[in-house]
Protein backbone atom coordinates (compact mmCIF):
# COMPACT_ATOMS: atom_id res chain seq x y z
CA UNK A 1 -39.43 -56.59 45.54
CA UNK A 2 -40.05 -56.10 41.80
CA UNK A 3 -36.42 -56.91 41.00
CA UNK A 4 -36.65 -60.13 43.03
CA UNK A 5 -39.76 -61.24 41.12
CA UNK A 6 -38.13 -60.44 37.77
CA UNK A 7 -34.94 -62.34 38.55
CA UNK A 8 -36.89 -65.27 40.01
CA UNK A 9 -38.87 -65.37 36.76
CA UNK A 10 -35.68 -65.62 34.69
CA UNK A 11 -35.48 -61.98 33.62
CA UNK A 12 -32.46 -59.77 34.07
CA UNK A 13 -32.85 -56.73 36.27
CA UNK A 14 -30.68 -53.63 36.19
CA UNK A 15 -31.24 -50.59 38.33
CA UNK A 16 -32.22 -47.47 36.37
CA UNK A 17 -28.73 -46.09 37.02
CA UNK A 18 -26.94 -49.16 35.63
CA UNK A 19 -29.38 -49.43 32.72
CA UNK A 20 -28.60 -45.81 31.83
CA UNK A 21 -24.86 -46.51 31.85
CA UNK A 22 -25.35 -49.56 29.65
CA UNK A 23 -27.45 -47.58 27.17
CA UNK A 24 -24.96 -44.74 26.91
CA UNK A 25 -21.88 -46.91 26.99
CA UNK A 26 -22.89 -49.48 24.39
CA UNK A 27 -24.60 -48.01 21.35
CA UNK A 28 -26.34 -50.37 18.97
CA UNK A 29 -24.19 -51.94 16.30
CA UNK A 30 -25.20 -51.43 12.67
CA UNK A 31 -26.55 -55.00 12.60
CA UNK A 32 -28.60 -54.46 15.77
CA UNK A 33 -29.89 -51.21 14.30
CA UNK A 34 -31.02 -53.11 11.19
CA UNK A 35 -32.80 -55.72 13.32
CA UNK A 36 -34.58 -52.91 15.19
CA UNK A 37 -35.50 -51.19 11.94
CA UNK A 38 -37.07 -54.36 10.56
CA UNK A 39 -38.86 -54.96 13.86
CA UNK A 40 -40.17 -51.38 13.76
CA UNK A 41 -41.52 -52.13 10.28
CA UNK A 42 -43.64 -54.87 11.84
CA UNK A 43 -41.60 -57.84 10.60
CA UNK A 44 -41.68 -61.11 12.54
CA UNK A 45 -38.57 -62.87 13.83
CA UNK A 46 -38.90 -65.33 10.92
CA UNK A 47 -39.16 -62.52 8.36
CA UNK A 48 -36.17 -60.70 9.87
CA UNK A 49 -34.12 -63.92 9.92
CA UNK A 50 -35.03 -64.64 6.29
CA UNK A 51 -34.15 -61.11 5.19
CA UNK A 52 -30.79 -61.20 7.01
CA UNK A 53 -29.97 -64.77 6.02
CA UNK A 54 -29.79 -65.99 9.61
CA UNK A 55 -31.91 -67.90 12.13
CA UNK A 56 -34.74 -66.79 14.38
CA UNK A 57 -32.49 -67.69 17.32
CA UNK A 58 -29.84 -65.25 16.10
CA UNK A 59 -32.49 -62.54 15.79
CA UNK A 60 -33.56 -63.30 19.36
CA UNK A 61 -29.92 -63.03 20.46
CA UNK A 62 -29.63 -59.59 18.87
CA UNK A 63 -32.81 -58.52 20.63
CA UNK A 64 -31.48 -59.83 23.96
CA UNK A 65 -28.43 -57.58 23.61
CA UNK A 66 -30.59 -54.66 22.47
CA UNK A 67 -32.83 -55.19 25.53
CA UNK A 68 -29.82 -54.56 27.77
CA UNK A 69 -29.15 -51.27 26.00
CA UNK A 70 -32.78 -50.20 26.02
CA UNK A 71 -33.36 -51.32 29.59
CA UNK A 72 -36.47 -53.33 28.72
CA UNK A 73 -37.32 -56.67 27.14
CA UNK A 74 -40.62 -55.38 25.76
CA UNK A 75 -40.71 -55.24 21.97
CA UNK A 76 -42.70 -51.99 22.10
CA UNK A 77 -39.96 -50.36 24.20
CA UNK A 78 -37.31 -51.49 21.73
CA UNK A 79 -39.28 -50.08 18.79
CA UNK A 80 -39.83 -46.80 20.66
CA UNK A 81 -36.09 -46.65 21.38
CA UNK A 82 -35.42 -47.11 17.67
CA UNK A 83 -37.84 -44.34 16.64
CA UNK A 84 -36.58 -41.93 19.29
CA UNK A 85 -32.84 -42.57 19.03
CA UNK A 86 -31.71 -44.47 15.96
CA UNK A 87 -33.86 -43.77 12.96
CA UNK A 88 -33.07 -41.32 10.23
CA UNK A 89 -35.06 -39.91 7.31
CA UNK A 90 -34.64 -43.12 5.30
CA UNK A 91 -36.54 -45.04 7.97
CA UNK A 92 -39.70 -42.95 7.67
CA UNK A 93 -42.69 -44.98 6.42
CA UNK A 94 -43.69 -44.03 2.91
CA UNK A 95 -47.19 -42.66 2.41
């Protein structure tokens, strides 16, 4: 029932099994990783686009593809995915 409501609302739905395969099979590209890093730093789409020399629409496109890998369209889930799976010591916030 939840999947039907999501799809009817225009959202993609993947079963947990398929989402897991997508996450494992398609790691984030370096560019997607950079978009996630900037998002994790609290930057807006406009700020990310400006920093990367692209458009807000392109940033949204990157996040759409990242959402497939993460298995969620929620920004908080994407940022959590970044902190749990993609960051390294250089990404730590400075005190």
